[in-house]
Amino acid sequence: MSQSLSTAAQSEPAGQTKEKGWEKFIGMRNTTNFTRMLILPAQLLLIAVVIFPLLMEVYLSLTSWAPTMGGVWWDSYKFWDWGKNYGELFQDKAFWMSIWRTILIVGIAVPLEFFLGLGIAFLFLEEFRGKGIFHTITLTPMMVVPAVAGYMFFMLFQIEGPINAMLSMVTGLDVTIPWLSHQYLSVVSVILADVWQWTPLMFLILLSGLLAVPEDQLKAATILGASFWHKFRYLMWPIMKPVVVIALVLRFMEAIKIFDSIMLMTAGGPARATETISVYMYKIAFQNIRWSYAAAAAIVILVIMTIVATYALKPLQAGQADDEF
């Protein structure tokens, strides 16, 4: 029978075989075109939301145009200055100091959020009464609007506010600490506000990583007499490592943009002690009305953050390559 089928296929006219080939090719083209039509709206949205503003920002950064000069932004080529903003920016001490302050605040706040979140996540691994209620309470700060959280801590850290009042009750003295008007205490206040609000996010991500560890392996390690440290190092950490990298990178990238709480608590003061890069660019763009200079600063920050994120995600990419092999 197979020979007869092959004979029939061979005896089929060449024209019909060619016609079927063209039909198959046309069908593939129609499928490809249909697929492209489906993703076209998403591509247009991406161009409108990401690519167009980025190109516009690069364009403005190469000019000295500002709204006070009159005209519209697309005519800013009339004020083309061949990137003088970048030359001025690299010599601007206020710009680099704002980056340093941002790194300082983020470098203290994010590790605190990580370790506090990890500790709370370990507590929630065990069953206890009222676990659901405490879980909701723990996640509540993350749901608060950052501007509201900033105003809350602005009120808490007033000289006559609740924090000093509680310290006065505990010490029996009249405590009048100027939390928001002291050069160093203002930084501490901003860090505490950020830790209060975003520790729940770390807790949520790290708890999901801990729950991914096989329970039977943990029980077997316990039976064999493994300590908590050994279980964490040899069982939990290898599984949690990708989750930890993602959590730290995401939180670091988000913390770099800290703005709402600082503007409401200190407005970048006192004496620029809490002026982060976001506050600096806000003042340059909307107080000094130097849009092109602020655009150049934003481009530099974008390049720096892209490089940092690329190197930060390398351990995760290396782990994926090892898994493939």
Protein backbone atom coordinates (compact mmCIF):
# COMPACT_ATOMS: atom_id res chain seq x y z
CA MET A 1 0.00 0.00 0.00
CA SER A 2 2.89 2.36 0.87
CA GLN A 3 4.38 1.78 -2.56
CA SER A 4 1.08 2.62 -4.22
CA LEU A 5 0.79 5.84 -2.23
CA SER A 6 4.32 6.88 -3.12
CA THR A 7 3.61 6.03 -6.75
CA ALA A 8 0.44 8.17 -6.62
CA ALA A 9 2.37 11.05 -5.08
CA GLN A 10 5.02 10.79 -7.78
CA SER A 11 2.39 10.63 -10.50
CA GLU A 12 0.73 13.83 -9.21
CA PRO A 13 1.23 16.65 -11.69
CA ALA A 14 4.01 19.07 -10.92
CA GLY A 15 1.65 22.01 -11.34
CA GLN A 16 -0.64 20.80 -8.57
CA THR A 17 2.34 20.25 -6.21
CA LYS A 18 3.60 23.75 -6.94
CA GLU A 19 0.11 25.16 -6.40
CA LYS A 20 -0.17 23.50 -2.99
CA GLY A 21 3.25 24.89 -2.07
CA TRP A 22 2.10 28.42 -2.94
CA GLU A 23 -1.09 27.93 -0.89
CA LYS A 24 0.98 26.85 2.10
CA PHE A 25 3.31 29.84 1.68
CA ILE A 26 0.38 32.25 1.38
CA GLY A 27 -1.19 30.71 4.48
CA MET A 28 2.04 31.25 6.42
CA ARG A 29 2.18 34.85 5.25
CA ASN A 30 -1.41 35.44 6.31
CA THR A 31 -0.64 33.98 9.74
CA THR A 32 2.43 36.19 10.09
CA ASN A 33 0.52 39.29 9.06
CA PHE A 34 -2.29 38.44 11.45
CA THR A 35 0.20 38.02 14.29
CA ARG A 36 1.79 41.35 13.48
CA MET A 37 -1.59 43.03 13.46
CA LEU A 38 -2.30 41.64 16.93
CA ILE A 39 0.88 43.07 18.46
CA LEU A 40 0.69 46.37 16.54
CA PRO A 41 -1.38 48.21 19.25
CA ALA A 42 1.12 47.20 21.93
CA GLN A 43 4.01 48.40 19.75
CA LEU A 44 2.32 51.73 19.11
CA LEU A 45 1.63 52.13 22.82
CA LEU A 46 5.27 51.37 23.59
CA ILE A 47 6.40 53.98 21.08
CA ALA A 48 4.01 56.55 22.54
CA VAL A 49 4.83 55.87 26.19
CA VAL A 50 8.55 55.05 26.13
CA ILE A 51 10.39 55.72 22.88
CA PHE A 52 8.86 59.10 21.95
CA PRO A 53 9.42 60.74 25.38
CA LEU A 54 12.97 59.38 25.45
CA LEU A 55 13.79 60.81 22.02
CA MET A 56 12.16 64.10 22.97
CA GLU A 57 14.25 64.24 26.16
CA VAL A 58 17.48 63.58 24.26
CA TYR A 59 16.50 66.27 21.75
CA LEU A 60 15.80 68.85 24.47
CA SER A 61 19.00 68.01 26.35
CA LEU A 62 21.04 69.13 23.33
CA THR A 63 19.49 72.61 23.35
CA SER A 64 19.18 75.52 25.76
CA TRP A 65 15.44 75.91 25.25
CA ALA A 66 13.08 76.69 28.13
CA PRO A 67 9.35 77.57 28.21
CA THR A 68 10.24 81.12 29.25
CA MET A 69 11.93 81.65 25.86
CA GLY A 70 8.63 81.36 24.06
CA GLY A 71 7.65 79.05 21.27
CA VAL A 72 7.02 75.33 21.48
CA TRP A 73 9.42 72.52 22.36
CA TRP A 74 9.76 71.13 18.82
CA ASP A 75 11.23 74.49 17.75
CA SER A 76 14.00 74.15 20.32
CA TYR A 77 16.48 73.42 17.50
CA LYS A 78 16.71 77.20 17.21
CA PHE A 79 18.55 77.09 20.58
CA TRP A 80 20.85 74.20 19.68
CA ASP A 81 24.01 74.26 21.81
CA TRP A 82 25.71 70.95 20.93
CA GLY A 83 25.41 69.38 24.39
CA LYS A 84 26.73 72.23 26.54
CA ASN A 85 24.29 71.08 29.22
CA TYR A 86 26.28 67.87 29.66
CA GLY A 87 29.55 69.77 30.04
CA GLU A 88 27.98 72.01 32.69
CA LEU A 89 26.36 69.03 34.36
CA PHE A 90 29.61 67.14 34.86
CA GLN A 91 31.02 70.22 36.62
CA ASP A 92 27.91 70.80 38.74
CA LYS A 93 28.77 69.89 42.34
CA ALA A 94 25.11 70.12 43.39
CA PHE A 95 24.22 67.41 40.86
CA TRP A 96 26.89 64.98 42.08
CA MET A 97 26.15 65.73 45.72
CA SER A 98 22.47 64.93 45.10
CA ILE A 99 23.55 61.57 43.63
CA TRP A 100 25.73 60.96 46.70
CA ARG A 101 22.85 61.76 49.07
CA THR A 102 20.56 59.46 47.11
CA ILE A 103 23.10 56.63 47.31
CA LEU A 104 23.50 57.27 51.06
CA ILE A 105 19.77 57.16 51.77
CA VAL A 106 19.16 54.16 49.51
CA GLY A 107 22.29 52.36 50.73
CA ILE A 108 21.01 52.49 54.32
CA ALA A 109 17.26 52.14 53.75
CA VAL A 110 17.24 49.19 51.34
CA PRO A 111 19.49 46.87 53.45
CA LEU A 112 17.39 47.72 56.52
CA GLU A 113 14.23 46.88 54.60
CA PHE A 114 15.80 43.64 53.38
CA PHE A 115 16.89 42.34 56.79
CA LEU A 116 13.70 43.45 58.53
CA GLY A 117 11.61 41.90 55.76
CA LEU A 118 13.60 38.66 55.94
CA GLY A 119 13.20 38.47 59.71
CA ILE A 120 9.46 39.05 59.53
CA ALA A 121 9.19 36.49 56.72
CA PHE A 122 10.82 33.85 58.95
CA LEU A 123 8.29 34.63 61.68
CA PHE A 124 5.41 34.05 59.27
CA LEU A 125 6.71 30.62 58.26
CA GLU A 126 5.26 29.23 61.49
CA GLU A 127 1.55 28.92 62.23
CA PHE A 128 0.22 31.08 65.07
CA ARG A 129 -3.08 32.47 66.19
CA GLY A 130 -4.20 35.57 64.31
CA LYS A 131 -1.68 35.07 61.52
CA GLY A 132 -4.05 36.43 58.85
CA ILE A 133 -4.73 39.60 60.85
CA PHE A 134 -1.03 40.25 61.48
CA HIS A 135 -0.31 39.56 57.81
CA THR A 136 -2.77 42.29 56.82
CA ILE A 137 -1.36 44.72 59.38
CA THR A 138 2.19 44.07 58.17
CA LEU A 139 1.26 44.83 54.55
CA THR A 140 -0.77 47.96 55.34
CA PRO A 141 2.11 50.52 55.14
CA MET A 142 2.83 49.43 51.57
CA MET A 143 -0.73 50.34 50.58
CA VAL A 144 -0.42 53.93 51.84
CA VAL A 145 0.11 56.59 49.19
CA PRO A 146 3.74 57.86 49.47
CA ALA A 147 2.56 61.46 49.78
CA VAL A 148 0.28 60.50 52.67
CA ALA A 149 3.10 58.58 54.34
CA GLY A 150 5.37 61.62 53.97
CA TYR A 151 2.79 63.89 55.60
CA MET A 152 2.28 61.37 58.42
CA PHE A 153 5.99 61.35 59.25
CA PHE A 154 6.16 65.12 58.84
CA MET A 155 3.63 65.39 61.65
CA LEU A 156 5.30 62.65 63.74
CA PHE A 157 8.73 64.31 63.66
CA GLN A 158 7.62 67.82 64.59
CA ILE A 159 9.35 69.28 67.66
CA GLU A 160 6.04 69.15 69.51
CA GLY A 161 5.03 65.94 67.74
CA PRO A 162 4.26 62.43 69.00
CA ILE A 163 7.85 61.11 68.69
CA ASN A 164 9.30 63.73 71.04
CA ALA A 165 6.27 63.38 73.30
CA MET A 166 6.86 59.62 73.67
CA LEU A 167 10.57 60.17 74.28
CA SER A 168 9.66 62.73 76.96
CA MET A 169 7.38 60.18 78.64
CA VAL A 170 10.08 57.49 78.60
CA THR A 171 12.98 59.67 79.77
CA GLY A 172 11.04 62.00 82.06
CA LEU A 173 12.70 64.97 80.35
CA ASP A 174 11.42 67.64 78.02
CA VAL A 175 12.66 66.25 74.69
CA THR A 176 12.65 68.76 71.83
CA ILE A 177 14.72 67.08 69.13
CA PRO A 178 14.65 69.03 65.80
CA TRP A 179 14.25 65.95 63.63
CA LEU A 180 13.46 67.74 60.38
CA SER A 181 15.66 70.81 60.76
CA HIS A 182 18.91 69.09 61.75
CA GLN A 183 21.43 68.25 59.05
CA TYR A 184 21.84 64.60 60.03
CA LEU A 185 18.59 63.85 61.86
CA SER A 186 16.61 64.90 58.79
CA VAL A 187 18.35 62.13 56.82
CA VAL A 188 17.52 59.65 59.59
CA SER A 189 13.88 60.76 59.52
CA VAL A 190 13.62 60.25 55.75
CA ILE A 191 15.23 56.80 56.02
CA LEU A 192 12.84 55.75 58.81
CA ALA A 193 9.85 56.83 56.75
CA ASP A 194 11.07 54.84 53.74
CA VAL A 195 11.83 51.76 55.86
CA TRP A 196 8.38 51.88 57.46
CA GLN A 197 6.61 52.02 54.12
CA TRP A 198 8.63 49.57 52.00
CA THR A 199 9.73 46.86 54.42
CA PRO A 200 6.37 45.09 53.75
CA LEU A 201 7.29 44.79 50.05
CA MET A 202 10.56 43.05 50.94
CA PHE A 203 8.68 40.86 53.39
CA LEU A 204 6.17 39.81 50.74
CA ILE A 205 8.80 38.95 48.12
CA LEU A 206 11.08 37.12 50.55
CA LEU A 207 8.20 35.20 52.10
CA SER A 208 7.30 33.87 48.64
CA GLY A 209 10.91 32.76 48.23
CA LEU A 210 10.92 30.98 51.59
CA LEU A 211 7.65 29.22 50.82
CA ALA A 212 9.23 27.84 47.64
CA VAL A 213 11.71 25.78 49.69
CA PRO A 214 10.52 22.12 49.77
CA GLU A 215 9.17 21.36 53.23
CA ASP A 216 10.22 17.70 53.15
CA GLN A 217 13.87 18.72 52.68
CA LEU A 218 13.68 21.05 55.67
CA LYS A 219 12.14 18.30 57.81
CA ALA A 220 14.81 15.83 56.71
CA ALA A 221 17.55 18.32 57.57
CA THR A 222 15.98 18.90 60.99
CA ILE A 223 15.85 15.17 61.68
CA LEU A 224 19.51 14.86 60.71
CA GLY A 225 20.36 17.53 63.27
CA ALA A 226 21.09 20.47 60.97
CA SER A 227 21.10 23.87 62.67
CA PHE A 228 19.05 26.80 61.45
CA TRP A 229 22.15 28.38 59.90
CA HIS A 230 23.01 25.21 57.96
CA LYS A 231 19.43 24.88 56.71
CA PHE A 232 19.44 28.49 55.60
CA ARG A 233 22.86 28.29 53.92
CA TYR A 234 22.53 24.97 52.10
CA LEU A 235 18.76 24.64 51.52
CA MET A 236 17.02 28.03 51.64
CA TRP A 237 19.65 30.35 50.19
CA PRO A 238 20.28 28.51 46.87
CA ILE A 239 16.55 28.54 46.14
CA MET A 240 16.01 32.08 47.42
CA LYS A 241 19.01 33.66 45.69
CA PRO A 242 17.19 34.63 42.45
CA VAL A 243 14.30 36.02 44.50
CA VAL A 244 16.70 38.04 46.66
CA VAL A 245 18.48 39.48 43.61
CA ILE A 246 15.17 40.50 42.02
CA ALA A 247 13.88 42.00 45.29
CA LEU A 248 17.04 44.05 45.88
CA VAL A 249 17.29 45.29 42.28
CA LEU A 250 13.60 46.25 42.11
CA ARG A 251 13.68 48.01 45.48
CA PHE A 252 16.97 49.75 44.69
CA MET A 253 15.65 51.04 41.37
CA GLU A 254 12.46 52.23 43.04
CA ALA A 255 14.22 53.81 46.03
CA ILE A 256 16.46 55.86 43.73
CA LYS A 257 13.29 57.75 42.70
CA ILE A 258 12.35 58.70 46.28
CA PHE A 259 10.57 62.05 46.10
CA ASP A 260 7.14 62.34 47.75
CA SER A 261 8.14 61.78 51.36
CA ILE A 262 11.21 64.03 51.12
CA MET A 263 9.29 66.91 49.54
CA LEU A 264 6.63 66.77 52.24
CA MET A 265 8.98 66.22 55.16
CA THR A 266 11.97 68.45 54.40
CA ALA A 267 11.63 69.75 50.81
CA GLY A 268 15.27 68.77 50.33
CA GLY A 269 16.51 70.71 53.36
CA PRO A 270 17.93 71.75 55.65
CA ALA A 271 20.77 73.20 53.57
CA ARG A 272 20.21 70.52 50.89
CA ALA A 273 20.90 67.73 53.42
CA THR A 274 18.10 65.58 51.98
CA GLU A 275 18.14 66.83 48.39
CA THR A 276 18.11 63.58 46.40
CA ILE A 277 18.45 63.41 42.63
CA SER A 278 14.67 63.52 42.11
CA VAL A 279 14.31 66.62 44.29
CA TYR A 280 17.29 68.22 42.55
CA MET A 281 15.81 67.69 39.09
CA TYR A 282 12.39 68.91 40.26
CA LYS A 283 13.92 72.16 41.49
CA ILE A 284 15.98 72.60 38.31
CA ALA A 285 13.01 71.96 36.03
CA PHE A 286 10.13 73.67 37.84
CA GLN A 287 11.76 76.28 40.07
CA ASN A 288 14.69 77.35 37.92
CA ILE A 289 12.74 76.56 34.69
CA ARG A 290 15.75 74.89 33.02
CA TRP A 291 14.02 72.06 31.21
CA SER A 292 16.87 71.25 28.85
CA TYR A 293 19.35 71.05 31.74
CA ALA A 294 16.99 68.79 33.71
CA ALA A 295 16.61 66.61 30.60
CA ALA A 296 20.39 66.22 30.38
CA ALA A 297 20.52 65.24 34.06
CA ALA A 298 17.77 62.67 33.49
CA ILE A 299 19.66 61.13 30.55
CA VAL A 300 22.84 60.81 32.63
CA ILE A 301 20.90 59.17 35.48
CA LEU A 302 19.23 56.81 33.01
CA VAL A 303 22.61 55.69 31.63
CA ILE A 304 24.06 55.21 35.12
CA MET A 305 21.06 53.21 36.34
CA THR A 306 21.07 51.04 33.22
CA ILE A 307 24.72 50.12 33.80
CA VAL A 308 24.12 49.43 37.50
CA ALA A 309 21.04 47.29 36.82
CA THR A 310 22.90 45.33 34.13
CA TYR A 311 25.72 44.41 36.50
CA ALA A 312 23.30 43.76 39.38
CA LEU A 313 21.35 41.22 37.31
CA LYS A 314 24.46 39.35 36.14
CA PRO A 315 24.31 36.79 39.02
CA LEU A 316 20.74 35.96 38.02
CA GLN A 317 21.71 35.56 34.35
CA ALA A 318 24.67 33.38 35.31
CA GLY A 319 22.37 31.17 37.36
CA GLN A 320 20.00 30.75 34.42
CA ALA A 321 22.92 29.79 32.15
CA ASP A 322 24.04 27.15 34.66
CA ASP A 323 20.52 25.72 34.79
CA GLU A 324 20.46 25.36 31.00
CA PHE A 325 23.65 23.30 31.07
